[in-house]
Amino acid sequence: MSTRSKYLSADDRRAATVEAVIELAANHAPGEITTTTIAQHMGVTQGALFKHFPTKDAILESVVQWVAQRLMSRIDAVVLGAPSAGSALQAMFMAHTAFVSEHPGVPRLLFGELQRAGSTTPKRLVAALLREYAERLRTLLERGRDSGELDAHVDIEAAATLFVGSIQGLVIQALFAGDVHAIQRNAPGVFATYLRGISRGTP
């Protein structure tokens, strides 16, 4: 980062730290990202970092909050203007995959937090994000079922699980292949197949 980062305000320093962690996570395992690594990436001392975050967990809390706010805001914005449940689901799917393509470090961080032993604040925040996401998704699926757009017998919980699992599959395959752009390239076809599976059959 630029030496200008040494002269940021407190709020800007915290924001820059969150961005640094997400950037580092794109190419490093979460466990490898230490406060030393973060400080070096930002071009500051650990002491400067600890003026704004007392612990690494405090940094991770801010990262998860950043992810939750931006991902859910993006999803809410695209879903709001969708004319049908199907188009809303598609908008949600595409917004989510685009977000991950832009920030490939995010899934690494979230998966890493969920794998940590015990209960930590960052882990609880990730779980809260997943619950909020699932609630939005179930609402759309129920709307589609009740309007007759989706199959009347669609299993809402199974459909929600498959939706999230489809995104996770795209992300994991792209990360393994080292081709983040594959997420967005493959997303339309994957979603179209998903939607056909839950849509109302033709008579």
C-alpha atoms as a PDB file:
ATOM      1  CA  MET A   1       0.000   0.000   0.000  1.00  0.00           C
ATOM      2  CA  SER A   2       0.973   3.627  -0.401  1.00  0.00           C
ATOM      3  CA  THR A   3       2.863   5.425   2.340  1.00  0.00           C
ATOM      4  CA  ARG A   4      -0.211   7.693   2.482  1.00  0.00           C
ATOM      5  CA  SER A   5      -1.826   4.901   4.558  1.00  0.00           C
ATOM      6  CA  LYS A   6       0.370   6.060   7.456  1.00  0.00           C
ATOM      7  CA  TYR A   7      -1.652   9.276   7.679  1.00  0.00           C
ATOM      8  CA  LEU A   8      -5.199   7.946   7.539  1.00  0.00           C
ATOM      9  CA  SER A   9      -7.897   8.960  10.016  1.00  0.00           C
ATOM     10  CA  ALA A  10      -9.059   6.393  12.569  1.00  0.00           C
ATOM     11  CA  ASP A  11     -12.128   5.428  10.511  1.00  0.00           C
ATOM     12  CA  ASP A  12     -10.114   5.247   7.307  1.00  0.00           C
ATOM     13  CA  ARG A  13      -7.447   3.173   9.060  1.00  0.00           C
ATOM     14  CA  ARG A  14     -10.046   0.648  10.197  1.00  0.00           C
ATOM     15  CA  ALA A  15     -11.542   0.499   6.693  1.00  0.00           C
ATOM     16  CA  ALA A  16      -8.087   0.072   5.163  1.00  0.00           C
ATOM     17  CA  THR A  17      -7.347  -2.758   7.586  1.00  0.00           C
ATOM     18  CA  VAL A  18     -10.515  -4.594   6.562  1.00  0.00           C
ATOM     19  CA  GLU A  19      -9.608  -4.176   2.892  1.00  0.00           C
ATOM     20  CA  ALA A  20      -6.084  -5.428   3.581  1.00  0.00           C
ATOM     21  CA  VAL A  21      -7.355  -8.612   5.234  1.00  0.00           C
ATOM     22  CA  ILE A  22      -9.712  -9.332   2.335  1.00  0.00           C
ATOM     23  CA  GLU A  23      -6.898  -8.718  -0.168  1.00  0.00           C
ATOM     24  CA  LEU A  24      -4.552 -11.032   1.746  1.00  0.00           C
ATOM     25  CA  ALA A  25      -7.196 -13.751   2.037  1.00  0.00           C
ATOM     26  CA  ALA A  26      -7.430 -13.978  -1.750  1.00  0.00           C
ATOM     27  CA  ASN A  27      -4.000 -15.631  -1.806  1.00  0.00           C
ATOM     28  CA  HIS A  28      -3.407 -16.836   1.761  1.00  0.00           C
ATOM     29  CA  ALA A  29      -5.096 -19.299   4.085  1.00  0.00           C
ATOM     30  CA  PRO A  30      -6.899 -17.411   6.876  1.00  0.00           C
ATOM     31  CA  GLY A  31      -4.647 -19.022   9.491  1.00  0.00           C
ATOM     32  CA  GLU A  32      -1.592 -17.560   7.774  1.00  0.00           C
ATOM     33  CA  ILE A  33      -2.877 -13.987   8.066  1.00  0.00           C
ATOM     34  CA  THR A  34      -1.320 -12.633  11.244  1.00  0.00           C
ATOM     35  CA  THR A  35      -1.335  -9.100  12.572  1.00  0.00           C
ATOM     36  CA  THR A  36       2.292  -8.894  11.442  1.00  0.00           C
ATOM     37  CA  THR A  37       1.271  -9.870   7.904  1.00  0.00           C
ATOM     38  CA  ILE A  38      -1.543  -7.336   7.900  1.00  0.00           C
ATOM     39  CA  ALA A  39       0.683  -4.532   9.157  1.00  0.00           C
ATOM     40  CA  GLN A  40       3.371  -5.329   6.581  1.00  0.00           C
ATOM     41  CA  HIS A  41       0.785  -5.391   3.798  1.00  0.00           C
ATOM     42  CA  MET A  42      -0.436  -1.962   4.882  1.00  0.00           C
ATOM     43  CA  GLY A  43       3.031  -0.535   5.355  1.00  0.00           C
ATOM     44  CA  VAL A  44       2.497   0.268   9.046  1.00  0.00           C
ATOM     45  CA  THR A  45       3.733  -1.081  12.364  1.00  0.00           C
ATOM     46  CA  GLN A  46       1.832  -3.555  14.501  1.00  0.00           C
ATOM     47  CA  GLY A  47       1.611  -0.835  17.121  1.00  0.00           C
ATOM     48  CA  ALA A  48      -0.262   1.397  14.685  1.00  0.00           C
ATOM     49  CA  LEU A  49      -2.630  -1.469  13.936  1.00  0.00           C
ATOM     50  CA  PHE A  50      -3.322  -2.164  17.608  1.00  0.00           C
ATOM     51  CA  LYS A  51      -4.309   1.451  18.184  1.00  0.00           C
ATOM     52  CA  HIS A  52      -7.516   0.662  16.303  1.00  0.00           C
ATOM     53  CA  PHE A  53      -7.939  -3.083  16.921  1.00  0.00           C
ATOM     54  CA  PRO A  54      -6.934  -4.639  20.268  1.00  0.00           C
ATOM     55  CA  THR A  55      -6.809  -8.198  18.878  1.00  0.00           C
ATOM     56  CA  LYS A  56      -6.862 -10.116  15.619  1.00  0.00           C
ATOM     57  CA  ASP A  57     -10.395 -11.275  16.439  1.00  0.00           C
ATOM     58  CA  ALA A  58     -11.453  -7.629  16.619  1.00  0.00           C
ATOM     59  CA  ILE A  59     -10.126  -7.191  13.077  1.00  0.00           C
ATOM     60  CA  LEU A  60     -12.015 -10.282  11.911  1.00  0.00           C
ATOM     61  CA  GLU A  61     -15.201  -8.984  13.532  1.00  0.00           C
ATOM     62  CA  SER A  62     -14.930  -5.823  11.437  1.00  0.00           C
ATOM     63  CA  VAL A  63     -14.233  -7.874   8.311  1.00  0.00           C
ATOM     64  CA  VAL A  64     -17.340 -10.034   8.799  1.00  0.00           C
ATOM     65  CA  GLN A  65     -19.446  -6.933   9.512  1.00  0.00           C
ATOM     66  CA  TRP A  66     -18.106  -5.344   6.314  1.00  0.00           C
ATOM     67  CA  VAL A  67     -18.986  -8.440   4.293  1.00  0.00           C
ATOM     68  CA  ALA A  68     -22.449  -8.752   5.807  1.00  0.00           C
ATOM     69  CA  GLN A  69     -23.347  -5.118   5.229  1.00  0.00           C
ATOM     70  CA  ARG A  70     -22.163  -4.992   1.640  1.00  0.00           C
ATOM     71  CA  LEU A  71     -23.406  -8.392   0.509  1.00  0.00           C
ATOM     72  CA  MET A  72     -26.867  -8.005   2.016  1.00  0.00           C
ATOM     73  CA  SER A  73     -27.193  -4.401   0.788  1.00  0.00           C
ATOM     74  CA  ARG A  74     -26.324  -5.521  -2.730  1.00  0.00           C
ATOM     75  CA  ILE A  75     -28.798  -8.384  -2.600  1.00  0.00           C
ATOM     76  CA  ASP A  76     -31.585  -6.231  -1.189  1.00  0.00           C
ATOM     77  CA  ALA A  77     -31.043  -3.631  -3.910  1.00  0.00           C
ATOM     78  CA  VAL A  78     -31.336  -6.086  -6.811  1.00  0.00           C
ATOM     79  CA  VAL A  79     -34.207  -8.073  -5.321  1.00  0.00           C
ATOM     80  CA  LEU A  80     -36.267  -4.947  -4.666  1.00  0.00           C
ATOM     81  CA  GLY A  81     -36.631  -4.143  -8.352  1.00  0.00           C
ATOM     82  CA  ALA A  82     -37.308  -7.692  -9.547  1.00  0.00           C
ATOM     83  CA  PRO A  83     -40.802  -8.211 -11.048  1.00  0.00           C
ATOM     84  CA  SER A  84     -41.149 -11.881 -10.074  1.00  0.00           C
ATOM     85  CA  ALA A  85     -39.818 -14.443  -7.630  1.00  0.00           C
ATOM     86  CA  GLY A  86     -37.798 -16.156 -10.357  1.00  0.00           C
ATOM     87  CA  SER A  87     -36.177 -12.938 -11.508  1.00  0.00           C
ATOM     88  CA  ALA A  88     -35.513 -11.998  -7.871  1.00  0.00           C
ATOM     89  CA  LEU A  89     -33.816 -15.340  -7.235  1.00  0.00           C
ATOM     90  CA  GLN A  90     -31.734 -14.871 -10.374  1.00  0.00           C
ATOM     91  CA  ALA A  91     -30.769 -11.345  -9.332  1.00  0.00           C
ATOM     92  CA  MET A  92     -29.775 -12.614  -5.883  1.00  0.00           C
ATOM     93  CA  PHE A  93     -27.714 -15.445  -7.383  1.00  0.00           C
ATOM     94  CA  MET A  94     -25.910 -13.146  -9.815  1.00  0.00           C
ATOM     95  CA  ALA A  95     -25.302 -10.439  -7.218  1.00  0.00           C
ATOM     96  CA  HIS A  96     -23.806 -12.969  -4.828  1.00  0.00           C
ATOM     97  CA  THR A  97     -21.534 -14.561  -7.425  1.00  0.00           C
ATOM     98  CA  ALA A  98     -20.422 -11.131  -8.669  1.00  0.00           C
ATOM     99  CA  PHE A  99     -19.577 -10.098  -5.096  1.00  0.00           C
ATOM    100  CA  VAL A 100     -17.427 -13.190  -4.601  1.00  0.00           C
ATOM    101  CA  SER A 101     -15.703 -12.671  -7.956  1.00  0.00           C
ATOM    102  CA  GLU A 102     -14.797  -9.148  -6.880  1.00  0.00           C
ATOM    103  CA  HIS A 103     -13.669 -10.280  -3.411  1.00  0.00           C
ATOM    104  CA  PRO A 104     -12.319 -13.857  -3.662  1.00  0.00           C
ATOM    105  CA  GLY A 105     -10.818 -13.586  -0.199  1.00  0.00           C
ATOM    106  CA  VAL A 106     -14.278 -13.411   1.369  1.00  0.00           C
ATOM    107  CA  PRO A 107     -15.279 -17.106   1.055  1.00  0.00           C
ATOM    108  CA  ARG A 108     -11.856 -18.170   2.320  1.00  0.00           C
ATOM    109  CA  LEU A 109     -12.330 -16.027   5.414  1.00  0.00           C
ATOM    110  CA  LEU A 110     -15.906 -17.140   6.081  1.00  0.00           C
ATOM    111  CA  PHE A 111     -15.111 -20.824   5.627  1.00  0.00           C
ATOM    112  CA  GLY A 112     -12.066 -20.369   7.851  1.00  0.00           C
ATOM    113  CA  GLU A 113     -14.132 -18.808  10.638  1.00  0.00           C
ATOM    114  CA  LEU A 114     -16.754 -21.558  10.527  1.00  0.00           C
ATOM    115  CA  GLN A 115     -13.999 -24.184  10.865  1.00  0.00           C
ATOM    116  CA  ARG A 116     -12.560 -22.630  14.026  1.00  0.00           C
ATOM    117  CA  ALA A 117     -13.083 -24.612  17.207  1.00  0.00           C
ATOM    118  CA  GLY A 118     -15.263 -23.161  19.930  1.00  0.00           C
ATOM    119  CA  SER A 119     -17.433 -20.075  19.900  1.00  0.00           C
ATOM    120  CA  THR A 120     -15.868 -16.779  18.854  1.00  0.00           C
ATOM    121  CA  THR A 121     -17.462 -13.446  18.054  1.00  0.00           C
ATOM    122  CA  PRO A 122     -16.386 -13.552  14.375  1.00  0.00           C
ATOM    123  CA  LYS A 123     -17.806 -17.079  14.077  1.00  0.00           C
ATOM    124  CA  ARG A 124     -21.113 -15.979  15.631  1.00  0.00           C
ATOM    125  CA  LEU A 125     -21.269 -13.052  13.210  1.00  0.00           C
ATOM    126  CA  VAL A 126     -20.743 -15.400  10.255  1.00  0.00           C
ATOM    127  CA  ALA A 127     -23.544 -17.642  11.554  1.00  0.00           C
ATOM    128  CA  ALA A 128     -25.812 -14.593  11.895  1.00  0.00           C
ATOM    129  CA  LEU A 129     -25.036 -13.572   8.307  1.00  0.00           C
ATOM    130  CA  LEU A 130     -25.911 -17.059   7.062  1.00  0.00           C
ATOM    131  CA  ARG A 131     -29.215 -16.997   8.968  1.00  0.00           C
ATOM    132  CA  GLU A 132     -30.133 -13.595   7.546  1.00  0.00           C
ATOM    133  CA  TYR A 133     -29.227 -14.746   4.036  1.00  0.00           C
ATOM    134  CA  ALA A 134     -31.260 -17.935   4.409  1.00  0.00           C
ATOM    135  CA  GLU A 135     -34.283 -15.964   5.622  1.00  0.00           C
ATOM    136  CA  ARG A 136     -34.180 -13.700   2.543  1.00  0.00           C
ATOM    137  CA  LEU A 137     -33.913 -16.778   0.339  1.00  0.00           C
ATOM    138  CA  ARG A 138     -36.776 -18.649   1.991  1.00  0.00           C
ATOM    139  CA  THR A 139     -39.008 -15.589   1.654  1.00  0.00           C
ATOM    140  CA  LEU A 140     -38.398 -15.451  -2.106  1.00  0.00           C
ATOM    141  CA  LEU A 141     -38.950 -19.188  -2.534  1.00  0.00           C
ATOM    142  CA  GLU A 142     -42.206 -19.063  -0.586  1.00  0.00           C
ATOM    143  CA  ARG A 143     -43.313 -16.073  -2.654  1.00  0.00           C
ATOM    144  CA  GLY A 144     -42.664 -18.022  -5.853  1.00  0.00           C
ATOM    145  CA  ARG A 145     -44.456 -21.122  -4.582  1.00  0.00           C
ATOM    146  CA  ASP A 146     -47.480 -19.179  -3.339  1.00  0.00           C
ATOM    147  CA  SER A 147     -47.795 -17.210  -6.590  1.00  0.00           C
ATOM    148  CA  GLY A 148     -47.705 -20.395  -8.664  1.00  0.00           C
ATOM    149  CA  GLU A 149     -44.452 -19.469 -10.375  1.00  0.00           C
ATOM    150  CA  LEU A 150     -42.598 -22.301  -8.646  1.00  0.00           C
ATOM    151  CA  ASP A 151     -43.740 -25.873  -8.138  1.00  0.00           C
ATOM    152  CA  ALA A 152     -46.506 -26.022  -5.543  1.00  0.00           C
ATOM    153  CA  HIS A 153     -44.753 -28.919  -3.818  1.00  0.00           C
ATOM    154  CA  VAL A 154     -41.264 -27.441  -3.826  1.00  0.00           C
ATOM    155  CA  ASP A 155     -39.347 -28.232  -0.633  1.00  0.00           C
ATOM    156  CA  ILE A 156     -38.386 -24.737   0.551  1.00  0.00           C
ATOM    157  CA  GLU A 157     -35.546 -25.847   2.811  1.00  0.00           C
ATOM    158  CA  ALA A 158     -34.092 -28.176   0.187  1.00  0.00           C
ATOM    159  CA  ALA A 159     -34.384 -25.483  -2.490  1.00  0.00           C
ATOM    160  CA  ALA A 160     -32.618 -22.972  -0.235  1.00  0.00           C
ATOM    161  CA  THR A 161     -29.846 -25.467   0.514  1.00  0.00           C
ATOM    162  CA  LEU A 162     -29.390 -26.216  -3.187  1.00  0.00           C
ATOM    163  CA  PHE A 163     -29.262 -22.485  -4.039  1.00  0.00           C
ATOM    164  CA  VAL A 164     -26.466 -21.841  -1.552  1.00  0.00           C
ATOM    165  CA  GLY A 165     -24.724 -25.089  -2.449  1.00  0.00           C
ATOM    166  CA  SER A 166     -24.699 -24.141  -6.136  1.00  0.00           C
ATOM    167  CA  ILE A 167     -22.911 -20.895  -5.332  1.00  0.00           C
ATOM    168  CA  GLN A 168     -20.473 -22.662  -3.026  1.00  0.00           C
ATOM    169  CA  GLY A 169     -19.734 -25.206  -5.741  1.00  0.00           C
ATOM    170  CA  LEU A 170     -18.980 -22.477  -8.263  1.00  0.00           C
ATOM    171  CA  VAL A 171     -16.719 -20.715  -5.796  1.00  0.00           C
ATOM    172  CA  ILE A 172     -14.782 -23.796  -4.701  1.00  0.00           C
ATOM    173  CA  GLN A 173     -14.216 -24.998  -8.265  1.00  0.00           C
ATOM    174  CA  ALA A 174     -13.047 -21.546  -9.367  1.00  0.00           C
ATOM    175  CA  LEU A 175     -10.664 -21.209  -6.417  1.00  0.00           C
ATOM    176  CA  PHE A 176      -9.215 -24.659  -7.055  1.00  0.00           C
ATOM    177  CA  ALA A 177      -8.724 -23.803 -10.726  1.00  0.00           C
ATOM    178  CA  GLY A 178      -7.203 -20.423  -9.880  1.00  0.00           C
ATOM    179  CA  ASP A 179      -9.747 -18.744 -12.155  1.00  0.00           C
ATOM    180  CA  VAL A 180     -12.014 -16.432 -10.153  1.00  0.00           C
ATOM    181  CA  HIS A 181     -13.704 -15.147 -13.311  1.00  0.00           C
ATOM    182  CA  ALA A 182     -15.095 -18.643 -13.910  1.00  0.00           C
ATOM    183  CA  ILE A 183     -17.625 -17.962 -11.156  1.00  0.00           C
ATOM    184  CA  GLN A 184     -19.472 -15.355 -13.193  1.00  0.00           C
ATOM    185  CA  ARG A 185     -18.961 -17.171 -16.496  1.00  0.00           C
ATOM    186  CA  ASN A 186     -20.641 -20.308 -15.203  1.00  0.00           C
ATOM    187  CA  ALA A 187     -23.231 -18.714 -12.931  1.00  0.00           C
ATOM    188  CA  PRO A 188     -25.968 -18.108 -15.558  1.00  0.00           C
ATOM    189  CA  GLY A 189     -26.038 -21.723 -16.725  1.00  0.00           C
ATOM    190  CA  VAL A 190     -25.970 -23.108 -13.197  1.00  0.00           C
ATOM    191  CA  PHE A 191     -28.828 -20.865 -12.100  1.00  0.00           C
ATOM    192  CA  ALA A 192     -30.919 -21.686 -15.175  1.00  0.00           C
ATOM    193  CA  THR A 193     -30.589 -25.396 -14.374  1.00  0.00           C
ATOM    194  CA  TYR A 194     -31.486 -24.742 -10.727  1.00  0.00           C
ATOM    195  CA  LEU A 195     -34.581 -22.723 -11.626  1.00  0.00           C
ATOM    196  CA  ARG A 196     -35.854 -25.361 -14.041  1.00  0.00           C
ATOM    197  CA  GLY A 197     -35.712 -27.875 -11.223  1.00  0.00           C
ATOM    198  CA  ILE A 198     -38.007 -25.887  -8.920  1.00  0.00           C
ATOM    199  CA  SER A 199     -40.303 -24.186 -11.425  1.00  0.00           C
ATOM    200  CA  ARG A 200     -43.905 -25.203 -12.039  1.00  0.00           C
ATOM    201  CA  GLY A 201     -44.058 -27.945 -14.649  1.00  0.00           C
ATOM    202  CA  THR A 202     -45.906 -27.368 -17.896  1.00  0.00           C
ATOM    203  CA  PRO A 203     -49.219 -29.243 -18.192  1.00  0.00           C
END
